[in-house]
PDB file of all heavy atoms in Angstrom:
ATOM      1  N   ASP A   1      -3.782   4.196   3.780  1.00  0.00           N
ATOM      2  CA  ASP A   1      -3.264   5.241   3.217  1.00  0.00           C
ATOM      3  C   ASP A   1      -4.176   6.145   2.345  1.00  0.00           C
ATOM      4  O   ASP A   1      -4.942   5.679   1.527  1.00  0.00           O
ATOM      5  CB  ASP A   1      -2.091   4.763   2.010  1.00  0.00           C
ATOM      6  CG  ASP A   1      -1.343   5.875   1.539  1.00  0.00           C
ATOM      7  OD1 ASP A   1      -1.710   7.002   1.544  1.00  0.00           O
ATOM      8  OD2 ASP A   1      -0.188   5.430   1.069  1.00  0.00           O
ATOM      9  N   ARG A   2      -4.360   7.539   2.728  1.00  0.00           N
ATOM     10  CA  ARG A   2      -5.373   8.253   2.181  1.00  0.00           C
ATOM     11  C   ARG A   2      -4.802   9.005   0.998  1.00  0.00           C
ATOM     12  O   ARG A   2      -5.596   9.515   0.075  1.00  0.00           O
ATOM     13  CB  ARG A   2      -5.947   9.260   3.227  1.00  0.00           C
ATOM     14  CG  ARG A   2      -6.762   8.520   4.262  1.00  0.00           C
ATOM     15  CD  ARG A   2      -7.498   9.473   5.239  1.00  0.00           C
ATOM     16  NE  ARG A   2      -6.339  10.132   6.002  1.00  0.00           N
ATOM     17  CZ  ARG A   2      -6.410  11.138   6.751  1.00  0.00           C
ATOM     18  NH1 ARG A   2      -7.671  11.702   6.959  1.00  0.00           N
ATOM     19  NH2 ARG A   2      -5.537  11.706   7.457  1.00  0.00           N
ATOM     20  N   LEU A   3      -3.445   9.002   0.797  1.00  0.00           N
ATOM     21  CA  LEU A   3      -2.898   9.667  -0.370  1.00  0.00           C
ATOM     22  C   LEU A   3      -3.031   8.681  -1.506  1.00  0.00           C
ATOM     23  O   LEU A   3      -3.270   9.082  -2.687  1.00  0.00           O
ATOM     24  CB  LEU A   3      -1.507   9.935  -0.071  1.00  0.00           C
ATOM     25  CG  LEU A   3      -0.739  10.765  -1.190  1.00  0.00           C
ATOM     26  CD1 LEU A   3      -1.408  12.092  -1.511  1.00  0.00           C
ATOM     27  CD2 LEU A   3       0.725  11.036  -0.775  1.00  0.00           C
ATOM     28  N   PHE A   4      -2.592   7.526  -1.413  1.00  0.00           N
ATOM     29  CA  PHE A   4      -2.618   6.423  -2.430  1.00  0.00           C
ATOM     30  C   PHE A   4      -3.609   5.298  -1.924  1.00  0.00           C
ATOM     31  O   PHE A   4      -3.058   4.296  -1.281  1.00  0.00           O
ATOM     32  CB  PHE A   4      -1.350   5.868  -2.728  1.00  0.00           C
ATOM     33  CG  PHE A   4      -0.448   6.966  -3.429  1.00  0.00           C
ATOM     34  CD1 PHE A   4       0.551   7.397  -2.538  1.00  0.00           C
ATOM     35  CD2 PHE A   4      -0.639   7.347  -4.677  1.00  0.00           C
ATOM     36  CE1 PHE A   4       1.582   8.362  -3.159  1.00  0.00           C
ATOM     37  CE2 PHE A   4       0.196   8.387  -5.146  1.00  0.00           C
ATOM     38  CZ  PHE A   4       1.367   8.862  -4.462  1.00  0.00           C
ATOM     39  N   PRO A   5      -4.923   5.392  -2.117  1.00  0.00           N
ATOM     40  CA  PRO A   5      -5.710   4.432  -1.604  1.00  0.00           C
ATOM     41  C   PRO A   5      -5.672   2.991  -1.970  1.00  0.00           C
ATOM     42  O   PRO A   5      -5.070   2.645  -3.081  1.00  0.00           O
ATOM     43  CB  PRO A   5      -7.235   4.839  -2.128  1.00  0.00           C
ATOM     44  CG  PRO A   5      -6.978   6.283  -2.521  1.00  0.00           C
ATOM     45  CD  PRO A   5      -5.650   6.505  -2.840  1.00  0.00           C
ATOM     46  N   ALA A   6      -5.799   2.082  -1.055  1.00  0.00           N
ATOM     47  CA  ALA A   6      -5.594   0.637  -1.283  1.00  0.00           C
ATOM     48  C   ALA A   6      -6.169   0.063  -2.612  1.00  0.00           C
ATOM     49  O   ALA A   6      -5.363  -0.540  -3.418  1.00  0.00           O
ATOM     50  CB  ALA A   6      -5.999  -0.167  -0.122  1.00  0.00           C
ATOM     51  N   PRO A   7      -7.379   0.399  -2.960  1.00  0.00           N
ATOM     52  CA  PRO A   7      -7.868  -0.125  -4.236  1.00  0.00           C
ATOM     53  C   PRO A   7      -7.083   0.218  -5.460  1.00  0.00           C
ATOM     54  O   PRO A   7      -6.769  -0.557  -6.381  1.00  0.00           O
ATOM     55  CB  PRO A   7      -9.381   0.208  -4.404  1.00  0.00           C
ATOM     56  CG  PRO A   7      -9.642   0.559  -2.917  1.00  0.00           C
ATOM     57  CD  PRO A   7      -8.450   1.065  -2.272  1.00  0.00           C
ATOM     58  N   PHE A   8      -6.690   1.594  -5.542  1.00  0.00           N
ATOM     59  CA  PHE A   8      -5.980   2.180  -6.488  1.00  0.00           C
ATOM     60  C   PHE A   8      -4.645   1.385  -6.587  1.00  0.00           C
ATOM     61  O   PHE A   8      -4.155   1.033  -7.662  1.00  0.00           O
ATOM     62  CB  PHE A   8      -5.674   3.656  -6.290  1.00  0.00           C
ATOM     63  CG  PHE A   8      -4.696   4.278  -7.198  1.00  0.00           C
ATOM     64  CD1 PHE A   8      -4.875   4.491  -8.566  1.00  0.00           C
ATOM     65  CD2 PHE A   8      -3.430   4.611  -6.756  1.00  0.00           C
ATOM     66  CE1 PHE A   8      -3.971   5.018  -9.407  1.00  0.00           C
ATOM     67  CE2 PHE A   8      -2.489   5.171  -7.528  1.00  0.00           C
ATOM     68  CZ  PHE A   8      -2.708   5.358  -8.836  1.00  0.00           C
ATOM     69  N   LEU A   9      -3.910   1.303  -5.522  1.00  0.00           N
ATOM     70  CA  LEU A   9      -2.538   0.730  -5.495  1.00  0.00           C
ATOM     71  C   LEU A   9      -2.656  -0.806  -5.783  1.00  0.00           C
ATOM     72  O   LEU A   9      -1.760  -1.314  -6.568  1.00  0.00           O
ATOM     73  CB  LEU A   9      -1.838   0.845  -4.183  1.00  0.00           C
ATOM     74  CG  LEU A   9      -1.365   2.313  -3.904  1.00  0.00           C
ATOM     75  CD1 LEU A   9      -0.708   2.320  -2.482  1.00  0.00           C
ATOM     76  CD2 LEU A   9      -0.382   2.575  -4.871  1.00  0.00           C
ATOM     77  N   ARG A  10      -3.637  -1.612  -5.378  1.00  0.00           N
ATOM     78  CA  ARG A  10      -3.760  -2.959  -5.793  1.00  0.00           C
ATOM     79  C   ARG A  10      -3.806  -3.035  -7.309  1.00  0.00           C
ATOM     80  O   ARG A  10      -3.099  -3.889  -7.941  1.00  0.00           O
ATOM     81  CB  ARG A  10      -4.991  -3.573  -5.249  1.00  0.00           C
ATOM     82  CG  ARG A  10      -4.874  -3.869  -3.830  1.00  0.00           C
ATOM     83  CD  ARG A  10      -6.129  -4.606  -3.180  1.00  0.00           C
ATOM     84  NE  ARG A  10      -6.089  -4.489  -1.681  1.00  0.00           N
ATOM     85  CZ  ARG A  10      -7.002  -3.839  -0.976  1.00  0.00           C
ATOM     86  NH1 ARG A  10      -7.868  -3.018  -1.577  1.00  0.00           N
ATOM     87  NH2 ARG A  10      -6.802  -3.775   0.303  1.00  0.00           N
ATOM     88  N   THR A  11      -4.534  -2.223  -7.952  1.00  0.00           N
ATOM     89  CA  THR A  11      -4.655  -2.228  -9.437  1.00  0.00           C
ATOM     90  C   THR A  11      -3.186  -1.866 -10.130  1.00  0.00           C
ATOM     91  O   THR A  11      -2.844  -2.636 -10.872  1.00  0.00           O
ATOM     92  CB  THR A  11      -5.725  -1.260  -9.914  1.00  0.00           C
ATOM     93  OG1 THR A  11      -6.986  -1.625  -9.345  1.00  0.00           O
ATOM     94  CG2 THR A  11      -5.752  -1.208 -11.454  1.00  0.00           C
ATOM     95  N   VAL A  12      -2.615  -0.790  -9.624  1.00  0.00           N
ATOM     96  CA  VAL A  12      -1.469  -0.352 -10.176  1.00  0.00           C
ATOM     97  C   VAL A  12      -0.295  -1.407  -9.997  1.00  0.00           C
ATOM     98  O   VAL A  12       0.431  -1.789 -10.934  1.00  0.00           O
ATOM     99  CB  VAL A  12      -0.921   1.051  -9.493  1.00  0.00           C
ATOM    100  CG1 VAL A  12       0.522   1.261  -9.999  1.00  0.00           C
ATOM    101  CG2 VAL A  12      -1.811   2.123  -9.940  1.00  0.00           C
ATOM    102  N   VAL A  13      -0.202  -2.003  -8.856  1.00  0.00           N
ATOM    103  CA  VAL A  13       0.844  -3.143  -8.562  1.00  0.00           C
ATOM    104  C   VAL A  13       0.518  -4.233  -9.449  1.00  0.00           C
ATOM    105  O   VAL A  13       1.488  -4.762 -10.011  1.00  0.00           O
ATOM    106  CB  VAL A  13       0.778  -3.406  -7.051  1.00  0.00           C
ATOM    107  CG1 VAL A  13       1.642  -4.629  -6.776  1.00  0.00           C
ATOM    108  CG2 VAL A  13       1.301  -2.242  -6.254  1.00  0.00           C
ATOM    109  N   THR A  14      -0.663  -4.643  -9.622  1.00  0.00           N
ATOM    110  CA  THR A  14      -0.898  -5.760 -10.482  1.00  0.00           C
ATOM    111  C   THR A  14      -0.534  -5.518 -11.792  1.00  0.00           C
ATOM    112  O   THR A  14       0.008  -6.319 -12.563  1.00  0.00           O
ATOM    113  CB  THR A  14      -2.506  -6.205 -10.305  1.00  0.00           C
ATOM    114  OG1 THR A  14      -2.634  -6.537  -8.943  1.00  0.00           O
ATOM    115  CG2 THR A  14      -2.675  -7.393 -11.096  1.00  0.00           C
ATOM    116  N   GLU A  15      -1.052  -4.469 -12.413  1.00  0.00           N
ATOM    117  CA  GLU A  15      -0.769  -4.027 -13.797  1.00  0.00           C
ATOM    118  C   GLU A  15       0.625  -3.774 -14.049  1.00  0.00           C
ATOM    119  O   GLU A  15       1.125  -4.190 -15.122  1.00  0.00           O
ATOM    120  CB  GLU A  15      -1.639  -2.761 -14.165  1.00  0.00           C
ATOM    121  CG  GLU A  15      -3.090  -3.130 -14.279  1.00  0.00           C
ATOM    122  CD  GLU A  15      -3.991  -1.883 -14.596  1.00  0.00           C
ATOM    123  OE1 GLU A  15      -3.500  -0.705 -14.695  1.00  0.00           O
ATOM    124  OE2 GLU A  15      -5.198  -2.011 -14.710  1.00  0.00           O
ATOM    125  N   ARG A  16       1.399  -3.044 -13.251  1.00  0.00           N
ATOM    126  CA  ARG A  16       2.660  -2.658 -13.460  1.00  0.00           C
ATOM    127  C   ARG A  16       3.818  -3.582 -13.124  1.00  0.00           C
ATOM    128  O   ARG A  16       4.824  -3.653 -13.730  1.00  0.00           O
ATOM    129  CB  ARG A  16       3.002  -1.218 -13.022  1.00  0.00           C
ATOM    130  CG  ARG A  16       2.216  -0.148 -13.681  1.00  0.00           C
ATOM    131  CD  ARG A  16       2.407   1.214 -13.193  1.00  0.00           C
ATOM    132  NE  ARG A  16       1.512   2.135 -13.728  1.00  0.00           N
ATOM    133  CZ  ARG A  16       1.586   3.506 -13.600  1.00  0.00           C
ATOM    134  NH1 ARG A  16       2.485   3.993 -12.823  1.00  0.00           N
ATOM    135  NH2 ARG A  16       0.696   4.318 -14.031  1.00  0.00           N
ATOM    136  N   LEU A  17       3.542  -4.291 -12.047  1.00  0.00           N
ATOM    137  CA  LEU A  17       4.527  -5.212 -11.473  1.00  0.00           C
ATOM    138  C   LEU A  17       4.238  -6.593 -11.650  1.00  0.00           C
ATOM    139  O   LEU A  17       5.067  -7.536 -11.470  1.00  0.00           O
ATOM    140  CB  LEU A  17       4.829  -4.886  -9.881  1.00  0.00           C
ATOM    141  CG  LEU A  17       5.339  -3.509  -9.586  1.00  0.00           C
ATOM    142  CD1 LEU A  17       5.434  -3.401  -8.038  1.00  0.00           C
ATOM    143  CD2 LEU A  17       6.573  -3.241 -10.333  1.00  0.00           C
ATOM    144  N   GLY A  18       2.918  -6.832 -12.024  1.00  0.00           N
ATOM    145  CA  GLY A  18       2.493  -8.185 -12.156  1.00  0.00           C
ATOM    146  C   GLY A  18       2.539  -9.036 -10.934  1.00  0.00           C
ATOM    147  O   GLY A  18       2.802 -10.094 -10.779  1.00  0.00           O
ATOM    148  N   ALA A  19       2.247  -8.225  -9.777  1.00  0.00           N
ATOM    149  CA  ALA A  19       2.330  -8.883  -8.508  1.00  0.00           C
ATOM    150  C   ALA A  19       1.061  -8.573  -7.650  1.00  0.00           C
ATOM    151  O   ALA A  19       0.433  -7.629  -7.968  1.00  0.00           O
ATOM    152  CB  ALA A  19       3.616  -8.391  -7.833  1.00  0.00           C
ATOM    153  N   VAL A  20       0.930  -9.352  -6.621  1.00  0.00           N
ATOM    154  CA  VAL A  20       0.011  -9.120  -5.558  1.00  0.00           C
ATOM    155  C   VAL A  20       0.708  -8.342  -4.441  1.00  0.00           C
ATOM    156  O   VAL A  20       1.691  -8.815  -3.824  1.00  0.00           O
ATOM    157  CB  VAL A  20      -0.697 -10.268  -5.001  1.00  0.00           C
ATOM    158  CG1 VAL A  20      -1.683  -9.994  -4.018  1.00  0.00           C
ATOM    159  CG2 VAL A  20      -1.416 -10.961  -6.294  1.00  0.00           C
ATOM    160  N   PRO A  21       0.278  -7.211  -3.996  1.00  0.00           N
ATOM    161  CA  PRO A  21       0.980  -6.524  -2.894  1.00  0.00           C
ATOM    162  C   PRO A  21       0.661  -7.179  -1.560  1.00  0.00           C
ATOM    163  O   PRO A  21      -0.274  -7.804  -1.340  1.00  0.00           O
ATOM    164  CB  PRO A  21       0.429  -5.111  -2.930  1.00  0.00           C
ATOM    165  CG  PRO A  21      -1.000  -5.256  -3.509  1.00  0.00           C
ATOM    166  CD  PRO A  21      -0.851  -6.393  -4.401  1.00  0.00           C
ATOM    167  N   ASP A  22       1.830  -7.064  -0.773  1.00  0.00           N
ATOM    168  CA  ASP A  22       1.778  -7.463   0.636  1.00  0.00           C
ATOM    169  C   ASP A  22       0.936  -6.408   1.293  1.00  0.00           C
ATOM    170  O   ASP A  22       1.096  -5.174   0.842  1.00  0.00           O
ATOM    171  CB  ASP A  22       3.012  -7.620   1.334  1.00  0.00           C
ATOM    172  CG  ASP A  22       3.853  -8.788   0.763  1.00  0.00           C
ATOM    173  OD1 ASP A  22       3.199  -9.881   0.336  1.00  0.00           O
ATOM    174  OD2 ASP A  22       5.131  -8.798   0.968  1.00  0.00           O
ATOM    175  N   GLU A  23       0.199  -6.549   2.297  1.00  0.00           N
ATOM    176  CA  GLU A  23      -0.581  -5.639   2.965  1.00  0.00           C
ATOM    177  C   GLU A  23      -0.359  -5.541   4.467  1.00  0.00           C
ATOM    178  O   GLU A  23      -0.232  -6.558   5.006  1.00  0.00           O
ATOM    179  CB  GLU A  23      -2.079  -5.721   2.625  1.00  0.00           C
ATOM    180  CG  GLU A  23      -2.422  -5.589   1.154  1.00  0.00           C
ATOM    181  CD  GLU A  23      -3.791  -5.532   0.830  1.00  0.00           C
ATOM    182  OE1 GLU A  23      -4.633  -5.211   1.641  1.00  0.00           O
ATOM    183  OE2 GLU A  23      -4.261  -5.757  -0.348  1.00  0.00           O
ATOM    184  N   MET A  24      -0.614  -4.421   4.977  1.00  0.00           N
ATOM    185  CA  MET A  24      -0.510  -4.236   6.496  1.00  0.00           C
ATOM    186  C   MET A  24      -1.410  -2.974   6.858  1.00  0.00           C
ATOM    187  O   MET A  24      -1.768  -2.164   5.915  1.00  0.00           O
ATOM    188  CB  MET A  24       1.011  -3.969   7.024  1.00  0.00           C
ATOM    189  CG  MET A  24       1.522  -2.668   6.544  1.00  0.00           C
ATOM    190  SD  MET A  24       3.252  -2.352   7.170  1.00  0.00           S
ATOM    191  CE  MET A  24       2.904  -1.450   8.633  1.00  0.00           C
ATOM    192  N   GLU A  25      -1.771  -2.945   8.074  1.00  0.00           N
ATOM    193  CA  GLU A  25      -2.509  -1.814   8.564  1.00  0.00           C
ATOM    194  C   GLU A  25      -1.567  -0.605   8.612  1.00  0.00           C
ATOM    195  O   GLU A  25      -0.420  -0.656   8.714  1.00  0.00           O
ATOM    196  CB  GLU A  25      -3.004  -2.065   9.978  1.00  0.00           C
ATOM    197  CG  GLU A  25      -4.014  -3.180  10.023  1.00  0.00           C
ATOM    198  CD  GLU A  25      -5.180  -3.092   9.158  1.00  0.00           C
ATOM    199  OE1 GLU A  25      -5.786  -1.959   9.181  1.00  0.00           O
ATOM    200  OE2 GLU A  25      -5.509  -4.033   8.474  1.00  0.00           O
ATOM    201  N   GLY A  26      -2.186   0.445   8.514  1.00  0.00           N
ATOM    202  CA  GLY A  26      -1.395   1.847   8.493  1.00  0.00           C
ATOM    203  C   GLY A  26      -1.777   2.750   7.454  1.00  0.00           C
ATOM    204  O   GLY A  26      -2.363   2.343   6.423  1.00  0.00           O
ATOM    205  N   GLY A  27      -1.323   4.010   7.583  1.00  0.00           N
ATOM    206  CA  GLY A  27      -1.518   5.069   6.648  1.00  0.00           C
ATOM    207  C   GLY A  27      -0.229   5.295   5.761  1.00  0.00           C
ATOM    208  O   GLY A  27       0.662   4.452   5.673  1.00  0.00           O
ATOM    209  N   HIS A  28      -0.096   6.464   5.289  1.00  0.00           N
ATOM    210  CA  HIS A  28       1.031   6.741   4.284  1.00  0.00           C
ATOM    211  C   HIS A  28       2.408   6.831   4.887  1.00  0.00           C
ATOM    212  O   HIS A  28       3.282   6.647   4.155  1.00  0.00           O
ATOM    213  CB  HIS A  28       0.736   8.199   3.708  1.00  0.00           C
ATOM    214  CG  HIS A  28       1.496   8.549   2.492  1.00  0.00           C
ATOM    215  ND1 HIS A  28       1.409   7.911   1.309  1.00  0.00           N
ATOM    216  CD2 HIS A  28       2.496   9.476   2.316  1.00  0.00           C
ATOM    217  CE1 HIS A  28       2.205   8.361   0.558  1.00  0.00           C
ATOM    218  NE2 HIS A  28       2.881   9.292   1.024  1.00  0.00           N
ATOM    219  N   PHE A  29       2.528   6.925   6.254  1.00  0.00           N
ATOM    220  CA  PHE A  29       3.841   6.923   6.891  1.00  0.00           C
ATOM    221  C   PHE A  29       3.924   5.795   7.955  1.00  0.00           C
ATOM    222  O   PHE A  29       3.967   5.980   9.112  1.00  0.00           O
ATOM    223  CB  PHE A  29       4.192   8.285   7.543  1.00  0.00           C
ATOM    224  CG  PHE A  29       4.359   9.526   6.514  1.00  0.00           C
ATOM    225  CD1 PHE A  29       3.293  10.344   6.281  1.00  0.00           C
ATOM    226  CD2 PHE A  29       5.570   9.572   5.785  1.00  0.00           C
ATOM    227  CE1 PHE A  29       3.498  11.412   5.420  1.00  0.00           C
ATOM    228  CE2 PHE A  29       5.785  10.516   4.855  1.00  0.00           C
ATOM    229  CZ  PHE A  29       4.673  11.508   4.695  1.00  0.00           C
ATOM    230  N   PRO A  30       4.098   4.674   7.575  1.00  0.00           N
ATOM    231  CA  PRO A  30       4.007   3.423   8.555  1.00  0.00           C
ATOM    232  C   PRO A  30       5.355   3.557   9.264  1.00  0.00           C
ATOM    233  O   PRO A  30       5.290   3.050  10.442  1.00  0.00           O
ATOM    234  CB  PRO A  30       4.063   2.339   7.599  1.00  0.00           C
ATOM    235  CG  PRO A  30       4.595   2.705   6.326  1.00  0.00           C
ATOM    236  CD  PRO A  30       4.301   4.056   6.025  1.00  0.00           C
ATOM    237  N   MET A  31       6.349   4.212   8.903  1.00  0.00           N
ATOM    238  CA  MET A  31       7.588   4.418   9.645  1.00  0.00           C
ATOM    239  C   MET A  31       7.235   5.144  10.943  1.00  0.00           C
ATOM    240  O   MET A  31       8.090   5.091  11.919  1.00  0.00           O
ATOM    241  CB  MET A  31       8.758   4.949   8.831  1.00  0.00           C
ATOM    242  CG  MET A  31       8.556   6.440   8.326  1.00  0.00           C
ATOM    243  SD  MET A  31       7.287   6.595   7.064  1.00  0.00           S
ATOM    244  CE  MET A  31       8.143   6.648   5.628  1.00  0.00           C
ATOM    245  N   LEU A  32       6.190   6.060  10.928  1.00  0.00           N
ATOM    246  CA  LEU A  32       5.861   6.781  12.087  1.00  0.00           C
ATOM    247  C   LEU A  32       4.785   6.201  12.919  1.00  0.00           C
ATOM    248  O   LEU A  32       4.758   6.046  14.124  1.00  0.00           O
ATOM    249  CB  LEU A  32       5.353   8.162  11.620  1.00  0.00           C
ATOM    250  CG  LEU A  32       6.376   9.062  10.987  1.00  0.00           C
ATOM    251  CD1 LEU A  32       5.796  10.358  10.707  1.00  0.00           C
ATOM    252  CD2 LEU A  32       7.616   9.223  11.902  1.00  0.00           C
ATOM    253  N   SER A  33       3.745   5.479  12.213  1.00  0.00           N
ATOM    254  CA  SER A  33       2.592   5.003  12.912  1.00  0.00           C
ATOM    255  C   SER A  33       2.694   3.571  13.321  1.00  0.00           C
ATOM    256  O   SER A  33       2.133   3.010  14.191  1.00  0.00           O
ATOM    257  CB  SER A  33       1.338   5.027  12.024  1.00  0.00           C
ATOM    258  OG  SER A  33       1.453   4.353  10.797  1.00  0.00           O
ATOM    259  N   ARG A  34       3.639   2.810  12.522  1.00  0.00           N
ATOM    260  CA  ARG A  34       3.851   1.402  12.842  1.00  0.00           C
ATOM    261  C   ARG A  34       5.203   1.026  12.643  1.00  0.00           C
ATOM    262  O   ARG A  34       5.656  -0.035  11.816  1.00  0.00           O
ATOM    263  CB  ARG A  34       2.821   0.489  12.010  1.00  0.00           C
ATOM    264  CG  ARG A  34       1.364   0.794  12.225  1.00  0.00           C
ATOM    265  CD  ARG A  34       0.540   0.005  11.375  1.00  0.00           C
ATOM    266  NE  ARG A  34      -0.842  -0.021  11.820  1.00  0.00           N
ATOM    267  CZ  ARG A  34      -1.404  -0.756  12.774  1.00  0.00           C
ATOM    268  NH1 ARG A  34      -0.641  -1.527  13.420  1.00  0.00           N
ATOM    269  NH2 ARG A  34      -2.719  -0.572  13.050  1.00  0.00           N
ATOM    270  N   PRO A  35       6.176   1.544  13.220  1.00  0.00           N
ATOM    271  CA  PRO A  35       7.554   1.309  13.021  1.00  0.00           C
ATOM    272  C   PRO A  35       8.068  -0.151  13.239  1.00  0.00           C
ATOM    273  O   PRO A  35       8.804  -0.593  12.567  1.00  0.00           O
ATOM    274  CB  PRO A  35       8.307   2.309  13.945  1.00  0.00           C
ATOM    275  CG  PRO A  35       7.378   2.635  15.000  1.00  0.00           C
ATOM    276  CD  PRO A  35       6.039   2.620  14.379  1.00  0.00           C
ATOM    277  N   ALA A  36       7.521  -0.733  14.327  1.00  0.00           N
ATOM    278  CA  ALA A  36       7.962  -2.152  14.763  1.00  0.00           C
ATOM    279  C   ALA A  36       7.480  -3.019  13.633  1.00  0.00           C
ATOM    280  O   ALA A  36       8.217  -3.895  13.142  1.00  0.00           O
ATOM    281  CB  ALA A  36       7.455  -2.604  16.038  1.00  0.00           C
TER     282      ALA A  36
END
């Protein structure tokens, strides 16, 4: 994701949700690039 880079989101998710994000390949619109 080039709009919300992975390092930024990892920090935000950890700080705000107290969780470790699940991760997958793909960009900002996985519903288009990796729908299955």
